PDB file of N, CA and C in Angstrom:
ATOM      1  N   MET A   1       7.151 124.273  75.872  1.00  0.00           N
ATOM      2  CA  MET A   1       7.745 124.298  74.636  1.00  0.00           C
ATOM      3  C   MET A   1       7.668 125.494  74.071  1.00  0.00           C
ATOM      4  N   LEU A   2       6.761 125.952  73.807  1.00  0.00           N
ATOM      5  CA  LEU A   2       6.448 127.181  72.848  1.00  0.00           C
ATOM      6  C   LEU A   2       7.355 128.121  73.709  1.00  0.00           C
ATOM      7  N   GLU A   3       7.794 128.158  74.961  1.00  0.00           N
ATOM      8  CA  GLU A   3       8.558 129.114  75.461  1.00  0.00           C
ATOM      9  C   GLU A   3      10.002 128.924  74.676  1.00  0.00           C
ATOM     10  N   ASP A   4      10.366 127.822  74.422  1.00  0.00           N
ATOM     11  CA  ASP A   4      11.712 127.761  74.002  1.00  0.00           C
ATOM     12  C   ASP A   4      11.788 127.448  72.572  1.00  0.00           C
ATOM     13  N   GLY A   5      10.654 127.819  71.776  1.00  0.00           N
ATOM     14  CA  GLY A   5      10.793 128.106  70.359  1.00  0.00           C
ATOM     15  C   GLY A   5       9.573 126.921  69.703  1.00  0.00           C
ATOM     16  N   PRO A   6       9.156 126.597  68.609  1.00  0.00           N
ATOM     17  CA  PRO A   6       8.149 125.513  68.321  1.00  0.00           C
ATOM     18  C   PRO A   6       9.116 124.355  68.304  1.00  0.00           C
ATOM     19  N   ARG A   7      10.180 124.259  68.209  1.00  0.00           N
ATOM     20  CA  ARG A   7      10.971 123.061  68.090  1.00  0.00           C
ATOM     21  C   ARG A   7      11.199 122.692  69.001  1.00  0.00           C
ATOM     22  N   GLY A   8      11.111 123.239  70.739  1.00  0.00           N
ATOM     23  CA  GLY A   8      11.514 123.082  71.708  1.00  0.00           C
ATOM     24  C   GLY A   8      13.145 122.817  71.969  1.00  0.00           C
ATOM     25  N   LEU A   9      13.445 122.325  72.988  1.00  0.00           N
ATOM     26  CA  LEU A   9      15.034 122.491  73.517  1.00  0.00           C
ATOM     27  C   LEU A   9      15.588 121.193  72.712  1.00  0.00           C
ATOM     28  N   ASN A  10      14.891 120.147  72.533  1.00  0.00           N
ATOM     29  CA  ASN A  10      15.594 119.146  71.544  1.00  0.00           C
ATOM     30  C   ASN A  10      15.062 118.807  70.556  1.00  0.00           C
ATOM     31  N   GLY A  11      15.013 120.131  69.854  1.00  0.00           N
ATOM     32  CA  GLY A  11      14.503 119.994  68.327  1.00  0.00           C
ATOM     33  C   GLY A  11      15.731 119.694  67.388  1.00  0.00           C
ATOM     34  N   PRO A  12      15.411 119.585  66.044  1.00  0.00           N
ATOM     35  CA  PRO A  12      16.213 119.161  64.952  1.00  0.00           C
ATOM     36  C   PRO A  12      17.519 119.875  65.020  1.00  0.00           C
ATOM     37  N   ARG A  13      17.787 121.211  65.431  1.00  0.00           N
ATOM     38  CA  ARG A  13      18.783 122.061  65.411  1.00  0.00           C
ATOM     39  C   ARG A  13      19.788 121.980  66.780  1.00  0.00           C
ATOM     40  N   HIS A  14      18.962 121.513  67.478  1.00  0.00           N
ATOM     41  CA  HIS A  14      19.918 121.348  69.210  1.00  0.00           C
ATOM     42  C   HIS A  14      20.464 120.307  69.181  1.00  0.00           C
ATOM     43  N   ASN A  15      21.872 120.198  69.377  1.00  0.00           N
ATOM     44  CA  ASN A  15      22.807 119.009  69.358  1.00  0.00           C
ATOM     45  C   ASN A  15      23.681 118.993  70.791  1.00  0.00           C
ATOM     46  N   GLY A  16      23.112 119.536  71.850  1.00  0.00           N
ATOM     47  CA  GLY A  16      24.010 119.405  73.005  1.00  0.00           C
ATOM     48  C   GLY A  16      24.564 120.761  73.632  1.00  0.00           C
ATOM     49  N   ASP A  17      25.249 121.230  73.770  1.00  0.00           N
ATOM     50  CA  ASP A  17      25.580 122.322  74.441  1.00  0.00           C
ATOM     51  C   ASP A  17      25.653 123.404  73.392  1.00  0.00           C
ATOM     52  N   GLU A  18      25.785 123.338  72.000  1.00  0.00           N
ATOM     53  CA  GLU A  18      25.828 124.366  71.133  1.00  0.00           C
ATOM     54  C   GLU A  18      25.355 123.926  69.580  1.00  0.00           C
ATOM     55  N   ASP A  19      24.471 124.825  69.343  1.00  0.00           N
ATOM     56  CA  ASP A  19      23.627 124.546  67.947  1.00  0.00           C
ATOM     57  C   ASP A  19      24.701 124.933  66.630  1.00  0.00           C
ATOM     58  N   GLN A  20      23.922 124.474  65.696  1.00  0.00           N
ATOM     59  CA  GLN A  20      24.690 124.628  64.380  1.00  0.00           C
ATOM     60  C   GLN A  20      25.283 125.915  64.152  1.00  0.00           C
ATOM     61  N   ASP A  21      24.584 127.045  64.421  1.00  0.00           N
ATOM     62  CA  ASP A  21      24.963 128.440  64.716  1.00  0.00           C
ATOM     63  C   ASP A  21      26.194 129.109  65.459  1.00  0.00           C
ATOM     64  N   GLY A  22      26.253 127.947  66.156  1.00  0.00           N
ATOM     65  CA  GLY A  22      27.575 128.547  67.535  1.00  0.00           C
ATOM     66  C   GLY A  22      26.720 129.263  68.426  1.00  0.00           C
ATOM     67  N   VAL A  23      25.516 129.169  68.834  1.00  0.00           N
ATOM     68  CA  VAL A  23      24.388 129.602  69.757  1.00  0.00           C
ATOM     69  C   VAL A  23      24.682 128.886  71.107  1.00  0.00           C
ATOM     70  N   GLU A  24      25.254 128.968  72.151  1.00  0.00           N
ATOM     71  CA  GLU A  24      25.429 128.277  73.231  1.00  0.00           C
ATOM     72  C   GLU A  24      24.086 128.029  73.851  1.00  0.00           C
ATOM     73  N   ASP A  25      23.226 129.353  74.190  1.00  0.00           N
ATOM     74  CA  ASP A  25      22.264 129.224  75.121  1.00  0.00           C
ATOM     75  C   ASP A  25      21.099 129.673  74.276  1.00  0.00           C
ATOM     76  N   ILE A  26      20.205 129.021  73.804  1.00  0.00           N
ATOM     77  CA  ILE A  26      18.898 129.361  73.086  1.00  0.00           C
ATOM     78  C   ILE A  26      17.882 129.842  73.977  1.00  0.00           C
ATOM     79  N   THR A  27      17.901 129.968  74.996  1.00  0.00           N
ATOM     80  CA  THR A  27      17.134 130.943  76.142  1.00  0.00           C
ATOM     81  C   THR A  27      17.043 132.490  76.030  1.00  0.00           C
ATOM     82  N   PHE A  28      18.420 132.505  75.351  1.00  0.00           N
ATOM     83  CA  PHE A  28      18.640 134.097  75.626  1.00  0.00           C
ATOM     84  C   PHE A  28      17.703 134.650  74.049  1.00  0.00           C
ATOM     85  N   TYR A  29      17.343 133.500  73.231  1.00  0.00           N
ATOM     86  CA  TYR A  29      16.515 134.295  71.852  1.00  0.00           C
ATOM     87  C   TYR A  29      15.014 134.097  72.119  1.00  0.00           C
ATOM     88  N   GLY A  30      14.137 134.825  71.634  1.00  0.00           N
ATOM     89  CA  GLY A  30      12.876 134.637  71.726  1.00  0.00           C
ATOM     90  C   GLY A  30      12.148 135.673  72.494  1.00  0.00           C
ATOM     91  N   VAL A  31      11.008 135.910  72.906  1.00  0.00           N
ATOM     92  CA  VAL A  31      10.014 136.709  73.120  1.00  0.00           C
ATOM     93  C   VAL A  31      10.713 137.032  74.962  1.00  0.00           C
ATOM     94  N   ASP A  32      11.081 138.286  75.299  1.00  0.00           N
ATOM     95  CA  ASP A  32      11.481 138.440  76.717  1.00  0.00           C
ATOM     96  C   ASP A  32       9.924 138.910  77.346  1.00  0.00           C
ATOM     97  N   TRP A  33       9.417 138.008  77.973  1.00  0.00           N
ATOM     98  CA  TRP A  33       8.212 138.279  79.111  1.00  0.00           C
ATOM     99  C   TRP A  33       8.162 139.480  79.861  1.00  0.00           C
ATOM    100  N   ASP A  34       9.664 139.778  80.454  1.00  0.00           N
ATOM    101  CA  ASP A  34       9.242 140.788  81.467  1.00  0.00           C
ATOM    102  C   ASP A  34       9.708 142.056  81.032  1.00  0.00           C
ATOM    103  N   ASP A  35      10.128 142.108  79.711  1.00  0.00           N
ATOM    104  CA  ASP A  35      10.045 143.269  79.046  1.00  0.00           C
ATOM    105  C   ASP A  35       8.703 143.622  78.314  1.00  0.00           C
ATOM    106  N   MET A  36       7.906 142.529  78.169  1.00  0.00           N
ATOM    107  CA  MET A  36       6.928 142.880  77.296  1.00  0.00           C
ATOM    108  C   MET A  36       5.687 143.271  78.333  1.00  0.00           C
ATOM    109  N   ASP A  37       5.896 142.981  79.678  1.00  0.00           N
ATOM    110  CA  ASP A  37       5.246 143.819  80.824  1.00  0.00           C
ATOM    111  C   ASP A  37       5.525 145.071  81.243  1.00  0.00           C
ATOM    112  N   ASN A  38       7.020 145.701  80.830  1.00  0.00           N
ATOM    113  CA  ASN A  38       7.309 146.837  81.064  1.00  0.00           C
ATOM    114  C   ASN A  38       6.691 147.956  80.550  1.00  0.00           C
ATOM    115  N   GLU A  39       5.941 148.742  81.241  1.00  0.00           N
ATOM    116  CA  GLU A  39       5.132 149.822  80.681  1.00  0.00           C
ATOM    117  C   GLU A  39       5.678 150.863  79.870  1.00  0.00           C
ATOM    118  N   VAL A  40       6.706 151.121  80.705  1.00  0.00           N
ATOM    119  CA  VAL A  40       7.647 152.402  80.017  1.00  0.00           C
ATOM    120  C   VAL A  40       8.249 152.038  78.606  1.00  0.00           C
ATOM    121  N   LEU A  41       8.955 150.581  78.695  1.00  0.00           N
ATOM    122  CA  LEU A  41       9.549 150.179  77.328  1.00  0.00           C
ATOM    123  C   LEU A  41       8.519 150.050  76.534  1.00  0.00           C
ATOM    124  N   MET A  42       7.397 149.273  76.628  1.00  0.00           N
ATOM    125  CA  MET A  42       6.266 149.287  75.622  1.00  0.00           C
ATOM    126  C   MET A  42       5.870 150.441  74.907  1.00  0.00           C
ATOM    127  N   GLY A  43       5.536 151.388  76.090  1.00  0.00           N
ATOM    128  CA  GLY A  43       5.064 152.753  75.723  1.00  0.00           C
ATOM    129  C   GLY A  43       5.749 153.512  74.600  1.00  0.00           C
ATOM    130  N   HIS A  44       7.397 153.239  75.046  1.00  0.00           N
ATOM    131  CA  HIS A  44       8.322 153.974  73.752  1.00  0.00           C
ATOM    132  C   HIS A  44       7.926 152.877  72.624  1.00  0.00           C
ATOM    133  N   HIS A  45       7.900 151.783  72.542  1.00  0.00           N
ATOM    134  CA  HIS A  45       8.231 151.127  71.498  1.00  0.00           C
ATOM    135  C   HIS A  45       6.602 151.457  70.723  1.00  0.00           C
ATOM    136  N   TYR A  46       5.551 151.724  71.353  1.00  0.00           N
ATOM    137  CA  TYR A  46       4.221 151.757  70.748  1.00  0.00           C
ATOM    138  C   TYR A  46       4.310 153.352  70.004  1.00  0.00           C
ATOM    139  N   GLU A  47       5.179 154.130  70.722  1.00  0.00           N
ATOM    140  CA  GLU A  47       4.873 155.482  70.418  1.00  0.00           C
ATOM    141  C   GLU A  47       5.629 155.827  69.205  1.00  0.00           C
ATOM    142  N   HIS A  48       6.725 154.821  68.656  1.00  0.00           N
ATOM    143  CA  HIS A  48       7.658 154.934  67.633  1.00  0.00           C
ATOM    144  C   HIS A  48       7.226 153.752  66.473  1.00  0.00           C
ATOM    145  N   ASN A  49       5.990 152.892  67.226  1.00  0.00           N
ATOM    146  CA  ASN A  49       5.712 151.981  66.034  1.00  0.00           C
ATOM    147  C   ASN A  49       4.098 151.867  66.094  1.00  0.00           C
ATOM    148  N   PRO A  50       3.612 153.229  65.846  1.00  0.00           N
ATOM    149  CA  PRO A  50       2.044 153.013  65.807  1.00  0.00           C
ATOM    150  C   PRO A  50       1.096 152.030  65.304  1.00  0.00           C
ATOM    151  N   ILE A  51       1.507 151.097  64.702  1.00  0.00           N
ATOM    152  CA  ILE A  51       0.549 150.390  64.310  1.00  0.00           C
ATOM    153  C   ILE A  51       0.297 149.212  64.916  1.00  0.00           C
ATOM    154  N   GLN A  52      -0.368 148.750  65.590  1.00  0.00           N
ATOM    155  CA  GLN A  52      -0.736 147.682  66.628  1.00  0.00           C
ATOM    156  C   GLN A  52      -1.541 146.743  66.025  1.00  0.00           C
ATOM    157  N   LEU A  53      -1.028 145.416  65.785  1.00  0.00           N
ATOM    158  CA  LEU A  53      -2.062 144.438  65.126  1.00  0.00           C
ATOM    159  C   LEU A  53      -2.574 143.647  66.257  1.00  0.00           C
ATOM    160  N   GLU A  54      -3.934 143.057  66.016  1.00  0.00           N
ATOM    161  CA  GLU A  54      -4.261 142.252  67.140  1.00  0.00           C
ATOM    162  C   GLU A  54      -3.672 140.791  67.126  1.00  0.00           C
ATOM    163  N   ASN A  55      -3.311 140.325  65.675  1.00  0.00           N
ATOM    164  CA  ASN A  55      -2.280 139.424  65.482  1.00  0.00           C
ATOM    165  C   ASN A  55      -1.143 139.692  65.277  1.00  0.00           C
ATOM    166  N   ALA A  56      -0.029 139.234  66.207  1.00  0.00           N
ATOM    167  CA  ALA A  56       1.411 139.566  66.482  1.00  0.00           C
ATOM    168  C   ALA A  56       1.846 139.058  65.166  1.00  0.00           C
ATOM    169  N   PHE A  57       1.410 137.959  64.268  1.00  0.00           N
ATOM    170  CA  PHE A  57       2.209 137.480  63.223  1.00  0.00           C
ATOM    171  C   PHE A  57       1.513 137.397  62.053  1.00  0.00           C
ATOM    172  N   SER A  58       0.673 138.388  62.121  1.00  0.00           N
ATOM    173  CA  SER A  58       0.000 138.992  60.953  1.00  0.00           C
ATOM    174  C   SER A  58       0.828 139.968  60.528  1.00  0.00           C
ATOM    175  N   THR A  59       1.130 139.981  58.936  1.00  0.00           N
ATOM    176  CA  THR A  59       1.611 141.144  58.420  1.00  0.00           C
ATOM    177  C   THR A  59       0.875 142.163  57.579  1.00  0.00           C
ATOM    178  N   ALA A  60      -0.743 141.755  57.848  1.00  0.00           N
ATOM    179  CA  ALA A  60      -1.404 142.602  57.041  1.00  0.00           C
ATOM    180  C   ALA A  60      -1.877 143.983  57.735  1.00  0.00           C
ATOM    181  N   PRO A  61      -1.654 145.236  57.138  1.00  0.00           N
ATOM    182  CA  PRO A  61      -2.110 146.319  57.905  1.00  0.00           C
ATOM    183  C   PRO A  61      -3.271 146.838  58.708  1.00  0.00           C
ATOM    184  N   ALA A  62      -3.095 147.248  59.647  1.00  0.00           N
ATOM    185  CA  ALA A  62      -4.545 147.297  60.471  1.00  0.00           C
ATOM    186  C   ALA A  62      -5.492 148.076  59.672  1.00  0.00           C
ATOM    187  N   THR A  63      -5.365 148.881  58.840  1.00  0.00           N
ATOM    188  CA  THR A  63      -6.409 149.069  58.043  1.00  0.00           C
ATOM    189  C   THR A  63      -5.807 149.266  56.677  1.00  0.00           C
ATOM    190  N   LEU A  64      -6.731 149.436  55.681  1.00  0.00           N
ATOM    191  CA  LEU A  64      -6.491 149.783  54.459  1.00  0.00           C
ATOM    192  C   LEU A  64      -6.098 151.135  53.886  1.00  0.00           C
ATOM    193  N   SER A  65      -4.946 151.173  52.755  1.00  0.00           N
ATOM    194  CA  SER A  65      -5.041 152.686  52.853  1.00  0.00           C
ATOM    195  C   SER A  65      -5.782 153.343  51.423  1.00  0.00           C
ATOM    196  N   GLU A  66      -6.139 154.358  51.882  1.00  0.00           N
ATOM    197  CA  GLU A  66      -7.037 155.132  51.019  1.00  0.00           C
ATOM    198  C   GLU A  66      -6.401 155.829  49.966  1.00  0.00           C
ATOM    199  N   VAL A  67      -6.568 155.804  48.698  1.00  0.00           N
ATOM    200  CA  VAL A  67      -5.455 156.114  47.548  1.00  0.00           C
ATOM    201  C   VAL A  67      -6.462 157.142  47.078  1.00  0.00           C
ATOM    202  N   VAL A  68      -6.339 158.425  47.039  1.00  0.00           N
ATOM    203  CA  VAL A  68      -6.879 159.518  46.361  1.00  0.00           C
ATOM    204  C   VAL A  68      -6.375 159.589  45.032  1.00  0.00           C
ATOM    205  N   CYS A  69      -6.985 159.951  44.133  1.00  0.00           N
ATOM    206  CA  CYS A  69      -6.587 160.273  42.798  1.00  0.00           C
ATOM    207  C   CYS A  69      -7.499 161.176  42.409  1.00  0.00           C
ATOM    208  N   THR A  70      -6.324 162.238  42.221  1.00  0.00           N
ATOM    209  CA  THR A  70      -6.914 163.901  41.929  1.00  0.00           C
ATOM    210  C   THR A  70      -6.503 163.943  40.123  1.00  0.00           C
ATOM    211  N   PRO A  71      -7.738 164.099  39.436  1.00  0.00           N
ATOM    212  CA  PRO A  71      -7.307 164.075  38.073  1.00  0.00           C
ATOM    213  C   PRO A  71      -6.436 165.276  37.845  1.00  0.00           C
ATOM    214  N   PRO A  72      -5.640 165.045  36.538  1.00  0.00           N
ATOM    215  CA  PRO A  72      -4.454 166.313  36.568  1.00  0.00           C
ATOM    216  C   PRO A  72      -5.429 167.459  35.897  1.00  0.00           C
ATOM    217  N   ASP A  73      -4.607 168.863  36.030  1.00  0.00           N
ATOM    218  CA  ASP A  73      -5.109 169.853  35.150  1.00  0.00           C
ATOM    219  C   ASP A  73      -5.043 169.663  33.707  1.00  0.00           C
ATOM    220  N   CYS A  74      -6.311 169.872  33.136  1.00  0.00           N
ATOM    221  CA  CYS A  74      -6.127 169.409  31.473  1.00  0.00           C
ATOM    222  C   CYS A  74      -6.440 170.990  30.954  1.00  0.00           C
ATOM    223  N   PRO A  75      -5.474 171.337  29.864  1.00  0.00           N
ATOM    224  CA  PRO A  75      -5.382 172.606  29.261  1.00  0.00           C
ATOM    225  C   PRO A  75      -6.108 172.489  28.395  1.00  0.00           C
ATOM    226  N   LEU A  76      -6.825 171.344  28.011  1.00  0.00           N
ATOM    227  CA  LEU A  76      -7.753 171.245  26.719  1.00  0.00           C
ATOM    228  C   LEU A  76      -9.332 171.520  27.385  1.00  0.00           C
ATOM    229  N   LEU A  77      -9.766 172.164  26.421  1.00  0.00           N
ATOM    230  CA  LEU A  77     -11.332 172.777  26.746  1.00  0.00           C
ATOM    231  C   LEU A  77     -12.170 171.354  26.153  1.00  0.00           C
ATOM    232  N   ALA A  78     -13.460 171.388  26.350  1.00  0.00           N
ATOM    233  CA  ALA A  78     -14.219 170.231  26.370  1.00  0.00           C
ATOM    234  C   ALA A  78     -14.396 169.725  25.114  1.00  0.00           C
ATOM    235  N   GLU A  79     -14.247 171.013  23.821  1.00  0.00           N
ATOM    236  CA  GLU A  79     -14.404 170.998  22.685  1.00  0.00           C
ATOM    237  C   GLU A  79     -13.137 170.626  22.161  1.00  0.00           C
ATOM    238  N   SER A  80     -12.089 170.805  22.606  1.00  0.00           N
ATOM    239  CA  SER A  80     -10.594 170.338  22.112  1.00  0.00           C
ATOM    240  C   SER A  80     -10.530 168.881  22.598  1.00  0.00           C
ATOM    241  N   ILE A  81     -10.977 168.202  23.511  1.00  0.00           N
ATOM    242  CA  ILE A  81     -11.122 166.923  23.820  1.00  0.00           C
ATOM    243  C   ILE A  81     -11.857 166.038  23.309  1.00  0.00           C
ATOM    244  N   ALA A  82     -13.015 166.708  22.599  1.00  0.00           N
ATOM    245  CA  ALA A  82     -13.851 165.706  21.609  1.00  0.00           C
ATOM    246  C   ALA A  82     -13.464 165.729  20.264  1.00  0.00           C
ATOM    247  N   GLN A  83     -12.468 166.793  19.773  1.00  0.00           N
ATOM    248  CA  GLN A  83     -11.661 166.708  18.593  1.00  0.00           C
ATOM    249  C   GLN A  83     -10.696 165.440  18.476  1.00  0.00           C
ATOM    250  N   LEU A  84     -10.026 165.463  19.769  1.00  0.00           N
ATOM    251  CA  LEU A  84      -8.956 164.801  20.391  1.00  0.00           C
ATOM    252  C   LEU A  84      -9.790 163.235  20.093  1.00  0.00           C
ATOM    253  N   ASN A  85     -10.381 163.313  20.815  1.00  0.00           N
ATOM    254  CA  ASN A  85     -11.462 161.605  20.988  1.00  0.00           C
ATOM    255  C   ASN A  85     -11.698 161.181  19.253  1.00  0.00           C
ATOM    256  N   TYR A  86     -12.205 162.211  18.886  1.00  0.00           N
ATOM    257  CA  TYR A  86     -12.636 161.883  17.434  1.00  0.00           C
ATOM    258  C   TYR A  86     -11.520 161.374  16.584  1.00  0.00           C
ATOM    259  N   ARG A  87     -10.337 161.978  16.352  1.00  0.00           N
ATOM    260  CA  ARG A  87      -9.354 161.958  15.448  1.00  0.00           C
ATOM    261  C   ARG A  87      -8.895 160.441  15.697  1.00  0.00           C
ATOM    262  N   LEU A  88      -8.685 160.236  17.255  1.00  0.00           N
ATOM    263  CA  LEU A  88      -8.260 158.745  17.849  1.00  0.00           C
ATOM    264  C   LEU A  88      -8.929 157.843  17.508  1.00  0.00           C
ATOM    265  N   VAL A  89     -10.173 157.965  17.543  1.00  0.00           N
ATOM    266  CA  VAL A  89     -11.078 156.738  16.986  1.00  0.00           C
ATOM    267  C   VAL A  89     -11.048 156.637  15.476  1.00  0.00           C
ATOM    268  N   GLN A  90     -10.750 157.676  14.730  1.00  0.00           N
ATOM    269  CA  GLN A  90     -10.379 157.248  13.271  1.00  0.00           C
ATOM    270  C   GLN A  90      -9.150 156.813  12.924  1.00  0.00           C
ATOM    271  N   LEU A  91      -8.257 156.492  13.936  1.00  0.00           N
ATOM    272  CA  LEU A  91      -6.814 156.290  13.824  1.00  0.00           C
ATOM    273  C   LEU A  91      -7.189 155.008  13.853  1.00  0.00           C
ATOM    274  N   ALA A  92      -7.403 154.724  14.938  1.00  0.00           N
ATOM    275  CA  ALA A  92      -7.247 153.060  15.376  1.00  0.00           C
ATOM    276  C   ALA A  92      -8.266 152.538  16.472  1.00  0.00           C
ATOM    277  N   ASN A  93      -8.161 151.386  16.667  1.00  0.00           N
ATOM    278  CA  ASN A  93      -9.054 150.680  17.904  1.00  0.00           C
ATOM    279  C   ASN A  93      -8.428 151.406  18.945  1.00  0.00           C
ATOM    280  N   VAL A  94      -9.289 152.423  19.820  1.00  0.00           N
ATOM    281  CA  VAL A  94      -8.703 152.922  20.925  1.00  0.00           C
ATOM    282  C   VAL A  94      -9.162 151.647  22.065  1.00  0.00           C
ATOM    283  N   ASP A  95     -10.025 150.636  21.858  1.00  0.00           N
ATOM    284  CA  ASP A  95     -10.025 149.538  22.944  1.00  0.00           C
ATOM    285  C   ASP A  95      -9.217 148.437  23.106  1.00  0.00           C
ATOM    286  N   SER A  96      -8.273 148.421  21.757  1.00  0.00           N
ATOM    287  CA  SER A  96      -7.131 147.815  21.450  1.00  0.00           C
ATOM    288  C   SER A  96      -6.222 147.369  22.782  1.00  0.00           C
ATOM    289  N   ARG A  97      -6.036 146.044  23.100  1.00  0.00           N
ATOM    290  CA  ARG A  97      -4.646 145.685  24.382  1.00  0.00           C
ATOM    291  C   ARG A  97      -3.434 145.682  23.250  1.00  0.00           C
ATOM    292  N   SER A  98      -3.558 145.783  22.115  1.00  0.00           N
ATOM    293  CA  SER A  98      -1.878 145.888  21.820  1.00  0.00           C
ATOM    294  C   SER A  98      -1.411 146.825  22.208  1.00  0.00           C
ATOM    295  N   MET A  99      -0.057 146.772  22.364  1.00  0.00           N
ATOM    296  CA  MET A  99       0.983 147.837  22.913  1.00  0.00           C
ATOM    297  C   MET A  99       1.364 148.420  21.779  1.00  0.00           C
ATOM    298  N   LEU A 100       1.326 147.936  20.501  1.00  0.00           N
ATOM    299  CA  LEU A 100       1.565 148.693  19.270  1.00  0.00           C
ATOM    300  C   LEU A 100       0.949 149.882  18.760  1.00  0.00           C
ATOM    301  N   VAL A 101      -0.707 149.410  18.993  1.00  0.00           N
ATOM    302  CA  VAL A 101      -1.605 150.159  18.872  1.00  0.00           C
ATOM    303  C   VAL A 101      -1.626 151.084  19.727  1.00  0.00           C
ATOM    304  N   ARG A 102      -1.482 151.153  21.068  1.00  0.00           N
ATOM    305  CA  ARG A 102      -1.691 151.892  22.182  1.00  0.00           C
ATOM    306  C   ARG A 102      -0.470 153.143  22.124  1.00  0.00           C
ATOM    307  N   ARG A 103       0.634 152.825  21.486  1.00  0.00           N
ATOM    308  CA  ARG A 103       1.693 153.458  21.498  1.00  0.00           C
ATOM    309  C   ARG A 103       1.554 154.516  20.001  1.00  0.00           C
ATOM    310  N   THR A 104       0.974 153.900  19.029  1.00  0.00           N
ATOM    311  CA  THR A 104       0.409 154.818  18.066  1.00  0.00           C
ATOM    312  C   THR A 104      -0.542 155.831  18.242  1.00  0.00           C
ATOM    313  N   ILE A 105      -1.535 155.222  19.208  1.00  0.00           N
ATOM    314  CA  ILE A 105      -2.763 156.418  19.625  1.00  0.00           C
ATOM    315  C   ILE A 105      -1.809 157.365  20.525  1.00  0.00           C
ATOM    316  N   TRP A 106      -0.906 156.947  21.249  1.00  0.00           N
ATOM    317  CA  TRP A 106      -0.220 158.179  22.269  1.00  0.00           C
ATOM    318  C   TRP A 106       0.492 159.199  21.184  1.00  0.00           C
ATOM    319  N   ARG A 107       1.030 158.478  20.334  1.00  0.00           N
ATOM    320  CA  ARG A 107       1.807 159.617  19.660  1.00  0.00           C
ATOM    321  C   ARG A 107       0.939 160.659  18.721  1.00  0.00           C
ATOM    322  N   GLU A 108      -0.403 159.856  18.625  1.00  0.00           N
ATOM    323  CA  GLU A 108      -1.211 160.789  17.659  1.00  0.00           C
ATOM    324  C   GLU A 108      -1.779 161.933  18.712  1.00  0.00           C
ATOM    325  N   ALA A 109      -1.935 161.298  19.779  1.00  0.00           N
ATOM    326  CA  ALA A 109      -2.515 162.340  20.863  1.00  0.00           C
ATOM    327  C   ALA A 109      -1.528 163.376  20.862  1.00  0.00           C
ATOM    328  N   LEU A 110      -0.348 162.965  21.053  1.00  0.00           N
ATOM    329  CA  LEU A 110       0.762 164.023  21.328  1.00  0.00           C
ATOM    330  C   LEU A 110       0.832 165.229  20.226  1.00  0.00           C
ATOM    331  N   HIS A 111       0.658 164.416  19.047  1.00  0.00           N
ATOM    332  CA  HIS A 111       0.687 165.390  17.615  1.00  0.00           C
ATOM    333  C   HIS A 111      -0.577 166.349  17.695  1.00  0.00           C
ATOM    334  N   VAL A 112      -1.780 165.733  18.088  1.00  0.00           N
ATOM    335  CA  VAL A 112      -2.962 166.578  18.076  1.00  0.00           C
ATOM    336  C   VAL A 112      -2.694 167.678  18.972  1.00  0.00           C
ATOM    337  N   CYS A 113      -2.746 167.025  20.373  1.00  0.00           N
ATOM    338  CA  CYS A 113      -2.306 168.162  21.528  1.00  0.00           C
ATOM    339  C   CYS A 113      -1.345 169.437  21.367  1.00  0.00           C
ATOM    340  N   SER A 114      -0.144 168.902  20.422  1.00  0.00           N
ATOM    341  CA  SER A 114       0.486 169.846  20.252  1.00  0.00           C
ATOM    342  C   SER A 114       0.097 170.769  19.143  1.00  0.00           C
ATOM    343  N   GLN A 115      -0.802 170.352  18.223  1.00  0.00           N
ATOM    344  CA  GLN A 115      -1.347 171.714  17.247  1.00  0.00           C
ATOM    345  C   GLN A 115      -2.487 172.431  18.006  1.00  0.00           C
ATOM    346  N   ILE A 116      -2.994 171.720  19.117  1.00  0.00           N
ATOM    347  CA  ILE A 116      -4.225 172.555  19.471  1.00  0.00           C
ATOM    348  C   ILE A 116      -3.871 173.760  20.700  1.00  0.00           C
ATOM    349  N   LEU A 117      -2.785 173.362  21.261  1.00  0.00           N
ATOM    350  CA  LEU A 117      -2.236 174.444  22.018  1.00  0.00           C
ATOM    351  C   LEU A 117      -1.474 175.189  21.150  1.00  0.00           C
TER     352      LEU A 117
END
């Protein structure tokens, strides 16, 4: 039954000689086991599709991606950063989750940085 699909030959979509999609012979669809045993063909497949999963039905990656975050080059010296932080803390609650507060902080930070540089 599994070779002919999980529904088998007498499944709900099979109604005699032709199914609802106009396919006359469903045996042409599915896994071609002869091709799966062909080393040349499978070698070509694995060369161009290097990720091989243990479970063929899994969509999870074989290994998790590593995300490397390099800090941007900051033109400010440590003293300037301390001044910026001090001014922003005086302006508003820098821990606020309000987007209006965050936008105000970003605008002030841009203004301060423009003056420092």
